[in-house]
Amino acid sequence: MKYGWSLGGGAVALVFLLGSTVLAAPRTAPVKLIKTIALPSIGGGDFDHFAVDLKRNRLYVAAEAHHSIEVFNLATGEHLQSGGPVATPHALALNLEKNQLFVADGGDSSVKVLDASDLRLIKRIDTRADPDAGIYDPKTRLFYIGNGGRGEKADFSEISIISVDDASIHGEIRVDATTIKSLQIDPATNRLFASLRDKKQVAVIDLVKDAVTQVWSVPGLNDNTPIALDAADHRLFVGSRSPGKMFVLNSDTGATIGSFDCTNIADELIYDARMKRVYVGAAEGLTVFQQDDADHYHEIGRVDTKGGKTSVLVPSLNRLYIPHTKLSAPEAALEIYQIQG
């Protein structure tokens, strides 16, 4: 047979070499840095959480140690404003209809209502000590804020329920823990998940009864802080800070599906339903996981974020925003990443 099965040894070697080259080809990084906005007036400390106004093209960031709200042009990244009568800002929420920014102020035991256009104070809502973790439900227009506990040397905390329509507290939910570090809402089941750092547990709260109905203990969980939810697949992601691990739980039962190594000192978890990815923001960098299916995940990249451990995903712009203070970089900055893949 003149043509065919008789490849020479060199040709065979070439085929194998080309095959190896294809297999070893570098994959596309999950995110790409496209812009850095310097913030030279901000020194150390942390940035905390965000609010996004797509209509007015604004991004609001809480700068804890700088005692300010930083305002950016969402599309260009331009730094527009720094200020606000805040002491230690944490969670943020926007009343878009009134253009008002709600700020959980841990340094002033309050939630401040600011005019989002110029950051002037409109109203102060008293809370228990150290309001910190929070989440806004745009469907019910309620802002849930964890406060009390360790900040006032009590053995329990409360989650205050604040209406953004009348800027007042509509109720409280008692939680038997001193440190609530993250909240997530499952709108389909009217449940609120709370990360209880001091207990190494996750609390499940019925938002019809406004009461804790279950508490899940997760073997291996330590210093747990951020949580995120994949509501469609009934999966809850919990970040364990030290050592860095991402735990995946069944959000109906609390059963552990798996745990995955990630960067240490996580402060943010984001589930991207479009890309089927989980972003873990931590002081030691960003870790990105691909969700193969509800029970299987694999790491697809790590990024040095210069100590930046909080972030916000804006799906309509396909961007991830990560601020960092003056740590391993010459100056503080907001970094804007394009989502790739």
C-alpha atoms as a PDB file:
ATOM      1  CA  MET A   1       0.000   0.000   0.000  1.00  0.00           C
ATOM      2  CA  LYS A   2       1.828   2.954  -1.295  1.00  0.00           C
ATOM      3  CA  TYR A   3      -0.045   5.671   0.495  1.00  0.00           C
ATOM      4  CA  GLY A   4      -0.732   5.376   3.804  1.00  0.00           C
ATOM      5  CA  TRP A   5      -0.166   3.727   7.060  1.00  0.00           C
ATOM      6  CA  SER A   6       3.548   3.908   6.651  1.00  0.00           C
ATOM      7  CA  LEU A   7       4.525   7.169   8.394  1.00  0.00           C
ATOM      8  CA  GLY A   8       8.209   7.545   9.095  1.00  0.00           C
ATOM      9  CA  GLY A   9       9.471   7.803  12.659  1.00  0.00           C
ATOM     10  CA  GLY A  10      10.152  11.518  12.249  1.00  0.00           C
ATOM     11  CA  ALA A  11       6.608  12.143  11.024  1.00  0.00           C
ATOM     12  CA  VAL A  12       5.164  10.231  13.970  1.00  0.00           C
ATOM     13  CA  ALA A  13       7.297  12.259  16.340  1.00  0.00           C
ATOM     14  CA  LEU A  14       6.073  15.450  14.668  1.00  0.00           C
ATOM     15  CA  VAL A  15       2.433  14.400  15.099  1.00  0.00           C
ATOM     16  CA  PHE A  16       2.975  13.744  18.803  1.00  0.00           C
ATOM     17  CA  LEU A  17       4.866  17.015  19.196  1.00  0.00           C
ATOM     18  CA  LEU A  18       2.061  19.007  17.573  1.00  0.00           C
ATOM     19  CA  GLY A  19      -0.507  17.207  19.715  1.00  0.00           C
ATOM     20  CA  SER A  20       1.460  18.122  22.836  1.00  0.00           C
ATOM     21  CA  THR A  21       1.677  21.715  21.706  1.00  0.00           C
ATOM     22  CA  VAL A  22      -2.100  21.942  21.272  1.00  0.00           C
ATOM     23  CA  LEU A  23      -2.720  20.410  24.682  1.00  0.00           C
ATOM     24  CA  ALA A  24      -0.272  22.802  26.340  1.00  0.00           C
ATOM     25  CA  ALA A  25      -1.668  25.956  24.718  1.00  0.00           C
ATOM     26  CA  PRO A  26      -2.343  28.633  27.355  1.00  0.00           C
ATOM     27  CA  ARG A  27      -5.985  29.235  28.184  1.00  0.00           C
ATOM     28  CA  THR A  28      -7.541  32.676  28.181  1.00  0.00           C
ATOM     29  CA  ALA A  29      -7.328  34.411  31.541  1.00  0.00           C
ATOM     30  CA  PRO A  30     -10.798  34.729  33.122  1.00  0.00           C
ATOM     31  CA  VAL A  31     -10.375  38.486  33.689  1.00  0.00           C
ATOM     32  CA  LYS A  32      -8.213  41.162  32.089  1.00  0.00           C
ATOM     33  CA  LEU A  33      -7.151  44.432  33.723  1.00  0.00           C
ATOM     34  CA  ILE A  34      -8.267  47.271  31.428  1.00  0.00           C
ATOM     35  CA  LYS A  35      -7.960  50.373  33.604  1.00  0.00           C
ATOM     36  CA  THR A  36      -6.442  51.597  36.880  1.00  0.00           C
ATOM     37  CA  ILE A  37      -7.760  54.774  38.519  1.00  0.00           C
ATOM     38  CA  ALA A  38      -5.270  56.154  41.049  1.00  0.00           C
ATOM     39  CA  LEU A  39      -6.547  57.359  44.437  1.00  0.00           C
ATOM     40  CA  PRO A  40      -3.484  59.126  45.890  1.00  0.00           C
ATOM     41  CA  SER A  41      -5.309  60.645  48.874  1.00  0.00           C
ATOM     42  CA  ILE A  42      -6.244  57.242  50.330  1.00  0.00           C
ATOM     43  CA  GLY A  43      -3.664  55.453  52.471  1.00  0.00           C
ATOM     44  CA  GLY A  44      -4.124  52.192  54.374  1.00  0.00           C
ATOM     45  CA  GLY A  45      -7.159  50.463  55.768  1.00  0.00           C
ATOM     46  CA  ASP A  46      -9.817  48.664  53.765  1.00  0.00           C
ATOM     47  CA  PHE A  47     -12.417  49.326  51.155  1.00  0.00           C
ATOM     48  CA  ASP A  48     -15.683  47.592  51.875  1.00  0.00           C
ATOM     49  CA  HIS A  49     -18.803  47.276  49.735  1.00  0.00           C
ATOM     50  CA  PHE A  50     -20.496  48.892  46.746  1.00  0.00           C
ATOM     51  CA  ALA A  51     -23.655  50.308  45.216  1.00  0.00           C
ATOM     52  CA  VAL A  52     -24.237  50.531  41.463  1.00  0.00           C
ATOM     53  CA  ASP A  53     -26.525  53.003  39.685  1.00  0.00           C
ATOM     54  CA  LEU A  54     -26.765  51.998  36.025  1.00  0.00           C
ATOM     55  CA  LYS A  55     -29.269  54.743  35.199  1.00  0.00           C
ATOM     56  CA  ARG A  56     -27.027  57.576  36.429  1.00  0.00           C
ATOM     57  CA  ASN A  57     -23.782  55.780  35.535  1.00  0.00           C
ATOM     58  CA  ARG A  58     -22.388  55.845  39.074  1.00  0.00           C
ATOM     59  CA  LEU A  59     -20.376  53.461  41.252  1.00  0.00           C
ATOM     60  CA  TYR A  60     -20.250  54.062  45.026  1.00  0.00           C
ATOM     61  CA  VAL A  61     -17.525  52.469  47.181  1.00  0.00           C
ATOM     62  CA  ALA A  62     -17.220  52.498  50.980  1.00  0.00           C
ATOM     63  CA  ALA A  63     -13.702  53.501  52.115  1.00  0.00           C
ATOM     64  CA  GLU A  64     -13.597  52.376  55.760  1.00  0.00           C
ATOM     65  CA  ALA A  65     -10.366  53.866  57.111  1.00  0.00           C
ATOM     66  CA  HIS A  66     -10.618  56.965  54.923  1.00  0.00           C
ATOM     67  CA  HIS A  67     -14.071  57.653  56.436  1.00  0.00           C
ATOM     68  CA  SER A  68     -15.605  58.385  53.075  1.00  0.00           C
ATOM     69  CA  ILE A  69     -17.749  57.304  50.162  1.00  0.00           C
ATOM     70  CA  GLU A  70     -15.853  57.275  46.875  1.00  0.00           C
ATOM     71  CA  VAL A  71     -17.880  57.976  43.732  1.00  0.00           C
ATOM     72  CA  PHE A  72     -16.853  56.945  40.200  1.00  0.00           C
ATOM     73  CA  ASN A  73     -18.176  57.181  36.679  1.00  0.00           C
ATOM     74  CA  LEU A  74     -19.237  53.580  36.092  1.00  0.00           C
ATOM     75  CA  ALA A  75     -18.401  53.516  32.383  1.00  0.00           C
ATOM     76  CA  THR A  76     -15.096  55.413  32.322  1.00  0.00           C
ATOM     77  CA  GLY A  77     -13.890  54.848  35.889  1.00  0.00           C
ATOM     78  CA  GLU A  78     -13.320  58.580  36.421  1.00  0.00           C
ATOM     79  CA  HIS A  79     -13.108  59.464  40.128  1.00  0.00           C
ATOM     80  CA  LEU A  80     -15.863  62.013  40.690  1.00  0.00           C
ATOM     81  CA  GLN A  81     -16.149  62.612  44.416  1.00  0.00           C
ATOM     82  CA  SER A  82     -14.879  61.676  47.873  1.00  0.00           C
ATOM     83  CA  GLY A  83     -16.753  62.561  51.040  1.00  0.00           C
ATOM     84  CA  GLY A  84     -19.936  62.091  52.994  1.00  0.00           C
ATOM     85  CA  PRO A  85     -20.521  62.497  56.748  1.00  0.00           C
ATOM     86  CA  VAL A  86     -19.565  58.890  57.547  1.00  0.00           C
ATOM     87  CA  ALA A  87     -17.201  57.370  60.121  1.00  0.00           C
ATOM     88  CA  THR A  88     -16.700  53.716  59.117  1.00  0.00           C
ATOM     89  CA  PRO A  89     -18.887  52.894  56.106  1.00  0.00           C
ATOM     90  CA  HIS A  90     -19.671  49.266  55.268  1.00  0.00           C
ATOM     91  CA  ALA A  91     -22.717  47.989  53.339  1.00  0.00           C
ATOM     92  CA  LEU A  92     -24.456  50.312  50.860  1.00  0.00           C
ATOM     93  CA  ALA A  93     -27.896  50.385  49.248  1.00  0.00           C
ATOM     94  CA  LEU A  94     -29.524  52.730  46.745  1.00  0.00           C
ATOM     95  CA  ASN A  95     -33.073  54.028  46.579  1.00  0.00           C
ATOM     96  CA  LEU A  96     -32.900  54.724  42.858  1.00  0.00           C
ATOM     97  CA  GLU A  97     -36.263  56.488  42.704  1.00  0.00           C
ATOM     98  CA  LYS A  98     -35.224  59.099  45.271  1.00  0.00           C
ATOM     99  CA  ASN A  99     -31.517  59.003  44.384  1.00  0.00           C
ATOM    100  CA  GLN A 100     -30.627  58.261  48.004  1.00  0.00           C
ATOM    101  CA  LEU A 101     -27.671  56.241  49.285  1.00  0.00           C
ATOM    102  CA  PHE A 102     -28.076  54.216  52.490  1.00  0.00           C
ATOM    103  CA  VAL A 103     -24.808  53.615  54.366  1.00  0.00           C
ATOM    104  CA  ALA A 104     -24.272  51.199  57.275  1.00  0.00           C
ATOM    105  CA  ASP A 105     -21.915  53.269  59.439  1.00  0.00           C
ATOM    106  CA  GLY A 106     -20.093  51.011  61.899  1.00  0.00           C
ATOM    107  CA  GLY A 107     -18.270  53.923  63.491  1.00  0.00           C
ATOM    108  CA  ASP A 108     -21.455  55.783  64.336  1.00  0.00           C
ATOM    109  CA  SER A 109     -23.964  52.992  65.185  1.00  0.00           C
ATOM    110  CA  SER A 110     -26.318  54.125  62.482  1.00  0.00           C
ATOM    111  CA  VAL A 111     -27.510  53.867  58.928  1.00  0.00           C
ATOM    112  CA  LYS A 112     -27.004  57.187  57.183  1.00  0.00           C
ATOM    113  CA  VAL A 113     -29.255  58.296  54.347  1.00  0.00           C
ATOM    114  CA  LEU A 114     -27.317  60.502  51.923  1.00  0.00           C
ATOM    115  CA  ASP A 115     -28.267  62.429  48.821  1.00  0.00           C
ATOM    116  CA  ALA A 116     -26.508  60.300  46.206  1.00  0.00           C
ATOM    117  CA  SER A 117     -25.781  63.325  44.012  1.00  0.00           C
ATOM    118  CA  ASP A 118     -23.675  65.276  46.542  1.00  0.00           C
ATOM    119  CA  LEU A 119     -23.384  62.955  49.601  1.00  0.00           C
ATOM    120  CA  ARG A 120     -25.058  65.398  51.990  1.00  0.00           C
ATOM    121  CA  LEU A 121     -26.829  63.889  55.004  1.00  0.00           C
ATOM    122  CA  ILE A 122     -30.601  63.563  54.745  1.00  0.00           C
ATOM    123  CA  LYS A 123     -31.351  61.369  57.760  1.00  0.00           C
ATOM    124  CA  ARG A 124     -29.656  59.308  60.455  1.00  0.00           C
ATOM    125  CA  ILE A 125     -31.253  56.001  61.551  1.00  0.00           C
ATOM    126  CA  ASP A 126     -30.020  54.733  64.934  1.00  0.00           C
ATOM    127  CA  THR A 127     -29.019  51.044  65.184  1.00  0.00           C
ATOM    128  CA  ARG A 128     -27.228  48.876  67.688  1.00  0.00           C
ATOM    129  CA  ALA A 129     -23.419  48.958  67.719  1.00  0.00           C
ATOM    130  CA  ASP A 130     -21.254  48.382  64.645  1.00  0.00           C
ATOM    131  CA  PRO A 131     -23.703  47.897  61.743  1.00  0.00           C
ATOM    132  CA  ASP A 132     -21.706  46.075  59.089  1.00  0.00           C
ATOM    133  CA  ALA A 133     -22.944  43.277  56.798  1.00  0.00           C
ATOM    134  CA  GLY A 134     -25.982  44.132  54.737  1.00  0.00           C
ATOM    135  CA  ILE A 135     -28.026  43.327  51.672  1.00  0.00           C
ATOM    136  CA  TYR A 136     -30.746  45.200  49.807  1.00  0.00           C
ATOM    137  CA  ASP A 137     -33.805  43.438  48.400  1.00  0.00           C
ATOM    138  CA  PRO A 138     -35.098  45.532  45.456  1.00  0.00           C
ATOM    139  CA  LYS A 139     -38.306  43.481  45.320  1.00  0.00           C
ATOM    140  CA  THR A 140     -39.429  44.343  48.867  1.00  0.00           C
ATOM    141  CA  ARG A 141     -37.357  47.556  49.032  1.00  0.00           C
ATOM    142  CA  LEU A 142     -35.928  46.470  52.369  1.00  0.00           C
ATOM    143  CA  PHE A 143     -32.303  46.887  53.497  1.00  0.00           C
ATOM    144  CA  TYR A 144     -31.154  44.192  55.946  1.00  0.00           C
ATOM    145  CA  ILE A 145     -28.260  45.213  58.240  1.00  0.00           C
ATOM    146  CA  GLY A 146     -26.461  43.095  60.870  1.00  0.00           C
ATOM    147  CA  ASN A 147     -25.562  45.006  64.065  1.00  0.00           C
ATOM    148  CA  GLY A 148     -25.001  44.561  67.803  1.00  0.00           C
ATOM    149  CA  GLY A 149     -23.167  41.515  69.135  1.00  0.00           C
ATOM    150  CA  ARG A 150     -19.432  41.878  69.601  1.00  0.00           C
ATOM    151  CA  GLY A 151     -19.556  45.653  69.098  1.00  0.00           C
ATOM    152  CA  GLU A 152     -21.523  46.045  72.338  1.00  0.00           C
ATOM    153  CA  LYS A 153     -20.197  42.940  74.145  1.00  0.00           C
ATOM    154  CA  ALA A 154     -23.515  41.118  73.749  1.00  0.00           C
ATOM    155  CA  ASP A 155     -23.885  37.404  73.033  1.00  0.00           C
ATOM    156  CA  PHE A 156     -26.404  37.991  70.231  1.00  0.00           C
ATOM    157  CA  SER A 157     -26.821  40.257  67.227  1.00  0.00           C
ATOM    158  CA  GLU A 158     -29.763  41.711  65.378  1.00  0.00           C
ATOM    159  CA  ILE A 159     -30.561  42.166  61.720  1.00  0.00           C
ATOM    160  CA  SER A 160     -32.388  45.461  61.343  1.00  0.00           C
ATOM    161  CA  ILE A 161     -35.003  45.646  58.570  1.00  0.00           C
ATOM    162  CA  ILE A 162     -34.965  49.127  57.052  1.00  0.00           C
ATOM    163  CA  SER A 163     -37.434  50.384  54.455  1.00  0.00           C
ATOM    164  CA  VAL A 164     -35.750  52.610  51.884  1.00  0.00           C
ATOM    165  CA  ASP A 165     -39.116  54.220  51.135  1.00  0.00           C
ATOM    166  CA  ASP A 166     -39.635  55.842  54.534  1.00  0.00           C
ATOM    167  CA  ALA A 167     -36.061  55.451  55.848  1.00  0.00           C
ATOM    168  CA  SER A 168     -37.124  53.759  59.073  1.00  0.00           C
ATOM    169  CA  ILE A 169     -36.669  50.428  60.844  1.00  0.00           C
ATOM    170  CA  HIS A 170     -39.596  48.051  60.266  1.00  0.00           C
ATOM    171  CA  GLY A 171     -38.380  45.230  62.499  1.00  0.00           C
ATOM    172  CA  GLU A 172     -35.460  43.246  63.903  1.00  0.00           C
ATOM    173  CA  ILE A 173     -34.391  39.620  63.662  1.00  0.00           C
ATOM    174  CA  ARG A 174     -32.460  38.164  66.596  1.00  0.00           C
ATOM    175  CA  VAL A 175     -29.437  36.007  65.714  1.00  0.00           C
ATOM    176  CA  ASP A 176     -27.547  34.076  68.404  1.00  0.00           C
ATOM    177  CA  ALA A 177     -24.066  35.043  67.237  1.00  0.00           C
ATOM    178  CA  THR A 178     -21.766  37.984  67.894  1.00  0.00           C
ATOM    179  CA  THR A 179     -20.408  38.493  64.357  1.00  0.00           C
ATOM    180  CA  ILE A 180     -22.555  38.553  61.217  1.00  0.00           C
ATOM    181  CA  LYS A 181     -20.244  39.013  58.237  1.00  0.00           C
ATOM    182  CA  SER A 182     -22.352  38.494  55.105  1.00  0.00           C
ATOM    183  CA  LEU A 183     -25.994  38.207  54.026  1.00  0.00           C
ATOM    184  CA  GLN A 184     -27.624  36.708  50.936  1.00  0.00           C
ATOM    185  CA  ILE A 185     -31.314  36.552  49.950  1.00  0.00           C
ATOM    186  CA  ASP A 186     -33.027  33.717  48.084  1.00  0.00           C
ATOM    187  CA  PRO A 187     -36.095  35.512  46.677  1.00  0.00           C
ATOM    188  CA  ALA A 188     -37.679  32.279  45.436  1.00  0.00           C
ATOM    189  CA  THR A 189     -37.940  30.859  48.957  1.00  0.00           C
ATOM    190  CA  ASN A 190     -38.086  34.086  51.014  1.00  0.00           C
ATOM    191  CA  ARG A 191     -35.001  33.062  52.965  1.00  0.00           C
ATOM    192  CA  LEU A 192     -32.011  35.062  54.149  1.00  0.00           C
ATOM    193  CA  PHE A 193     -28.640  33.365  54.688  1.00  0.00           C
ATOM    194  CA  ALA A 194     -26.225  34.835  57.252  1.00  0.00           C
ATOM    195  CA  SER A 195     -22.538  34.003  57.708  1.00  0.00           C
ATOM    196  CA  LEU A 196     -21.860  33.725  61.460  1.00  0.00           C
ATOM    197  CA  ARG A 197     -18.099  34.063  61.778  1.00  0.00           C
ATOM    198  CA  ASP A 198     -17.777  33.524  65.536  1.00  0.00           C
ATOM    199  CA  LYS A 199     -19.908  30.360  65.415  1.00  0.00           C
ATOM    200  CA  LYS A 200     -18.368  28.978  62.199  1.00  0.00           C
ATOM    201  CA  GLN A 201     -21.939  28.511  61.025  1.00  0.00           C
ATOM    202  CA  VAL A 202     -24.522  29.689  58.516  1.00  0.00           C
ATOM    203  CA  ALA A 203     -27.962  30.781  59.735  1.00  0.00           C
ATOM    204  CA  VAL A 204     -31.102  30.377  57.634  1.00  0.00           C
ATOM    205  CA  ILE A 205     -33.779  33.022  58.250  1.00  0.00           C
ATOM    206  CA  ASP A 206     -37.429  32.848  57.207  1.00  0.00           C
ATOM    207  CA  LEU A 207     -38.317  36.321  55.902  1.00  0.00           C
ATOM    208  CA  VAL A 208     -42.030  35.707  56.336  1.00  0.00           C
ATOM    209  CA  LYS A 209     -41.613  34.940  60.043  1.00  0.00           C
ATOM    210  CA  ASP A 210     -38.510  37.156  60.414  1.00  0.00           C
ATOM    211  CA  ALA A 211     -36.877  34.433  62.490  1.00  0.00           C
ATOM    212  CA  VAL A 212     -33.929  32.025  62.320  1.00  0.00           C
ATOM    213  CA  THR A 213     -35.270  28.587  61.404  1.00  0.00           C
ATOM    214  CA  GLN A 214     -32.037  26.605  60.885  1.00  0.00           C
ATOM    215  CA  VAL A 215     -28.361  26.874  61.750  1.00  0.00           C
ATOM    216  CA  TRP A 216     -25.867  24.886  59.675  1.00  0.00           C
ATOM    217  CA  SER A 217     -22.484  23.781  61.030  1.00  0.00           C
ATOM    218  CA  VAL A 218     -20.007  23.075  58.244  1.00  0.00           C
ATOM    219  CA  PRO A 219     -17.054  20.767  59.029  1.00  0.00           C
ATOM    220  CA  GLY A 220     -13.757  22.531  58.285  1.00  0.00           C
ATOM    221  CA  LEU A 221     -15.241  26.027  58.078  1.00  0.00           C
ATOM    222  CA  ASN A 222     -13.046  28.634  59.785  1.00  0.00           C
ATOM    223  CA  ASP A 223     -13.249  32.412  60.003  1.00  0.00           C
ATOM    224  CA  ASN A 224     -16.090  32.329  57.476  1.00  0.00           C
ATOM    225  CA  THR A 225     -16.949  35.697  55.979  1.00  0.00           C
ATOM    226  CA  PRO A 226     -18.452  36.060  52.472  1.00  0.00           C
ATOM    227  CA  ILE A 227     -21.315  34.049  50.994  1.00  0.00           C
ATOM    228  CA  ALA A 228     -22.956  33.956  47.555  1.00  0.00           C
ATOM    229  CA  LEU A 229     -25.934  32.116  46.097  1.00  0.00           C
ATOM    230  CA  ASP A 230     -26.676  30.202  42.915  1.00  0.00           C
ATOM    231  CA  ALA A 231     -30.449  30.172  43.369  1.00  0.00           C
ATOM    232  CA  ALA A 232     -31.206  28.220  40.189  1.00  0.00           C
ATOM    233  CA  ASP A 233     -29.003  25.281  41.188  1.00  0.00           C
ATOM    234  CA  HIS A 234     -29.698  25.538  44.944  1.00  0.00           C
ATOM    235  CA  ARG A 235     -26.073  26.108  45.841  1.00  0.00           C
ATOM    236  CA  LEU A 236     -24.645  28.368  48.551  1.00  0.00           C
ATOM    237  CA  PHE A 237     -20.962  29.364  48.433  1.00  0.00           C
ATOM    238  CA  VAL A 238     -19.176  30.160  51.708  1.00  0.00           C
ATOM    239  CA  GLY A 239     -15.674  31.618  51.965  1.00  0.00           C
ATOM    240  CA  SER A 240     -13.403  30.337  54.734  1.00  0.00           C
ATOM    241  CA  ARG A 241     -10.602  32.828  55.352  1.00  0.00           C
ATOM    242  CA  SER A 242      -7.832  30.850  57.000  1.00  0.00           C
ATOM    243  CA  PRO A 243      -6.895  28.617  55.323  1.00  0.00           C
ATOM    244  CA  GLY A 244      -8.512  29.941  52.170  1.00  0.00           C
ATOM    245  CA  LYS A 245     -11.284  27.623  51.006  1.00  0.00           C
ATOM    246  CA  MET A 246     -14.545  27.932  49.138  1.00  0.00           C
ATOM    247  CA  PHE A 247     -17.259  25.630  50.488  1.00  0.00           C
ATOM    248  CA  VAL A 248     -20.206  24.672  48.292  1.00  0.00           C
ATOM    249  CA  LEU A 249     -23.402  23.799  50.173  1.00  0.00           C
ATOM    250  CA  ASN A 250     -26.822  22.558  49.146  1.00  0.00           C
ATOM    251  CA  SER A 251     -28.910  25.659  49.906  1.00  0.00           C
ATOM    252  CA  ASP A 252     -31.962  23.546  50.748  1.00  0.00           C
ATOM    253  CA  THR A 253     -30.353  21.192  53.250  1.00  0.00           C
ATOM    254  CA  GLY A 254     -26.980  22.694  54.229  1.00  0.00           C
ATOM    255  CA  ALA A 255     -25.162  19.524  53.111  1.00  0.00           C
ATOM    256  CA  THR A 256     -21.574  20.093  51.975  1.00  0.00           C
ATOM    257  CA  ILE A 257     -21.095  19.387  48.272  1.00  0.00           C
ATOM    258  CA  GLY A 258     -17.362  20.098  48.270  1.00  0.00           C
ATOM    259  CA  SER A 259     -14.572  22.466  49.285  1.00  0.00           C
ATOM    260  CA  PHE A 260     -11.886  24.045  47.108  1.00  0.00           C
ATOM    261  CA  ASP A 261      -8.606  25.787  47.926  1.00  0.00           C
ATOM    262  CA  CYS A 262      -8.483  29.514  47.174  1.00  0.00           C
ATOM    263  CA  THR A 263      -6.613  32.640  48.237  1.00  0.00           C
ATOM    264  CA  ASN A 264      -6.553  33.525  51.943  1.00  0.00           C
ATOM    265  CA  ILE A 265      -8.574  36.217  53.756  1.00  0.00           C
ATOM    266  CA  ALA A 266     -11.636  36.256  51.505  1.00  0.00           C
ATOM    267  CA  ASP A 267     -14.035  39.167  51.888  1.00  0.00           C
ATOM    268  CA  GLU A 268     -16.154  38.807  48.738  1.00  0.00           C
ATOM    269  CA  LEU A 269     -17.914  35.999  46.880  1.00  0.00           C
ATOM    270  CA  ILE A 270     -19.739  36.606  43.600  1.00  0.00           C
ATOM    271  CA  TYR A 271     -21.653  34.049  41.558  1.00  0.00           C
ATOM    272  CA  ASP A 272     -21.803  34.930  37.854  1.00  0.00           C
ATOM    273  CA  ALA A 273     -24.828  33.075  36.458  1.00  0.00           C
ATOM    274  CA  ARG A 274     -24.030  34.100  32.852  1.00  0.00           C
ATOM    275  CA  MET A 275     -20.521  32.654  32.841  1.00  0.00           C
ATOM    276  CA  LYS A 276     -21.192  29.921  35.423  1.00  0.00           C
ATOM    277  CA  ARG A 277     -18.293  31.213  37.506  1.00  0.00           C
ATOM    278  CA  VAL A 278     -17.538  32.021  41.125  1.00  0.00           C
ATOM    279  CA  TYR A 279     -15.205  34.929  41.963  1.00  0.00           C
ATOM    280  CA  VAL A 280     -13.519  34.814  45.381  1.00  0.00           C
ATOM    281  CA  GLY A 281     -12.086  38.197  46.360  1.00  0.00           C
ATOM    282  CA  ALA A 282      -9.386  37.973  49.042  1.00  0.00           C
ATOM    283  CA  ALA A 283      -6.463  39.950  50.440  1.00  0.00           C
ATOM    284  CA  GLU A 284      -4.095  37.494  48.768  1.00  0.00           C
ATOM    285  CA  GLY A 285      -5.774  37.872  45.386  1.00  0.00           C
ATOM    286  CA  LEU A 286      -8.774  36.908  43.277  1.00  0.00           C
ATOM    287  CA  THR A 287      -9.526  33.216  42.651  1.00  0.00           C
ATOM    288  CA  VAL A 288     -11.897  32.278  39.817  1.00  0.00           C
ATOM    289  CA  PHE A 289     -13.732  28.957  39.663  1.00  0.00           C
ATOM    290  CA  GLN A 290     -15.639  27.514  36.710  1.00  0.00           C
ATOM    291  CA  GLN A 291     -18.860  25.695  37.548  1.00  0.00           C
ATOM    292  CA  ASP A 292     -18.971  22.510  35.457  1.00  0.00           C
ATOM    293  CA  ASP A 293     -22.321  21.599  36.981  1.00  0.00           C
ATOM    294  CA  ALA A 294     -23.975  22.133  40.368  1.00  0.00           C
ATOM    295  CA  ASP A 295     -21.670  19.596  42.036  1.00  0.00           C
ATOM    296  CA  HIS A 296     -18.373  20.132  40.212  1.00  0.00           C
ATOM    297  CA  TYR A 297     -16.021  23.151  40.046  1.00  0.00           C
ATOM    298  CA  HIS A 298     -12.457  23.772  38.945  1.00  0.00           C
ATOM    299  CA  GLU A 299     -10.115  26.719  39.343  1.00  0.00           C
ATOM    300  CA  ILE A 300      -9.377  28.663  36.153  1.00  0.00           C
ATOM    301  CA  GLY A 301      -7.202  31.489  37.405  1.00  0.00           C
ATOM    302  CA  ARG A 302      -5.756  33.670  40.145  1.00  0.00           C
ATOM    303  CA  VAL A 303      -5.057  37.405  39.933  1.00  0.00           C
ATOM    304  CA  ASP A 304      -2.923  39.620  42.167  1.00  0.00           C
ATOM    305  CA  THR A 305      -5.293  42.374  43.334  1.00  0.00           C
ATOM    306  CA  LYS A 306      -2.685  44.201  45.455  1.00  0.00           C
ATOM    307  CA  GLY A 307      -4.563  43.498  48.658  1.00  0.00           C
ATOM    308  CA  GLY A 308      -7.978  44.414  47.240  1.00  0.00           C
ATOM    309  CA  LYS A 309     -10.431  41.928  48.747  1.00  0.00           C
ATOM    310  CA  THR A 310     -13.847  43.353  47.909  1.00  0.00           C
ATOM    311  CA  SER A 311     -15.326  43.600  44.430  1.00  0.00           C
ATOM    312  CA  VAL A 312     -18.501  44.125  42.469  1.00  0.00           C
ATOM    313  CA  LEU A 313     -19.585  42.545  39.183  1.00  0.00           C
ATOM    314  CA  VAL A 314     -21.587  44.640  36.713  1.00  0.00           C
ATOM    315  CA  PRO A 315     -22.932  42.074  34.231  1.00  0.00           C
ATOM    316  CA  SER A 316     -24.316  44.590  31.722  1.00  0.00           C
ATOM    317  CA  LEU A 317     -20.807  46.022  31.278  1.00  0.00           C
ATOM    318  CA  ASN A 318     -19.098  42.635  31.668  1.00  0.00           C
ATOM    319  CA  ARG A 319     -16.774  44.206  34.230  1.00  0.00           C
ATOM    320  CA  LEU A 320     -15.421  43.479  37.686  1.00  0.00           C
ATOM    321  CA  TYR A 321     -14.382  46.437  39.874  1.00  0.00           C
ATOM    322  CA  ILE A 322     -11.759  45.868  42.612  1.00  0.00           C
ATOM    323  CA  PRO A 323     -10.345  48.704  44.781  1.00  0.00           C
ATOM    324  CA  HIS A 324      -7.168  48.450  46.847  1.00  0.00           C
ATOM    325  CA  THR A 325      -5.513  50.749  49.354  1.00  0.00           C
ATOM    326  CA  LYS A 326      -1.811  51.548  49.597  1.00  0.00           C
ATOM    327  CA  LEU A 327      -0.460  48.106  50.440  1.00  0.00           C
ATOM    328  CA  SER A 328       1.656  46.292  47.868  1.00  0.00           C
ATOM    329  CA  ALA A 329       1.174  49.088  45.342  1.00  0.00           C
ATOM    330  CA  PRO A 330       2.626  52.625  45.204  1.00  0.00           C
ATOM    331  CA  GLU A 331      -0.827  54.112  45.815  1.00  0.00           C
ATOM    332  CA  ALA A 332      -4.460  53.196  46.290  1.00  0.00           C
ATOM    333  CA  ALA A 333      -6.520  52.633  43.170  1.00  0.00           C
ATOM    334  CA  LEU A 334      -9.673  51.265  41.639  1.00  0.00           C
ATOM    335  CA  GLU A 335      -8.903  48.517  39.130  1.00  0.00           C
ATOM    336  CA  ILE A 336     -11.396  47.643  36.393  1.00  0.00           C
ATOM    337  CA  TYR A 337     -11.300  44.155  34.896  1.00  0.00           C
ATOM    338  CA  GLN A 338     -13.012  42.883  31.756  1.00  0.00           C
ATOM    339  CA  ILE A 339     -14.594  39.437  32.083  1.00  0.00           C
ATOM    340  CA  GLN A 340     -13.156  37.067  29.456  1.00  0.00           C
ATOM    341  CA  GLY A 341     -13.904  33.597  28.149  1.00  0.00           C
END
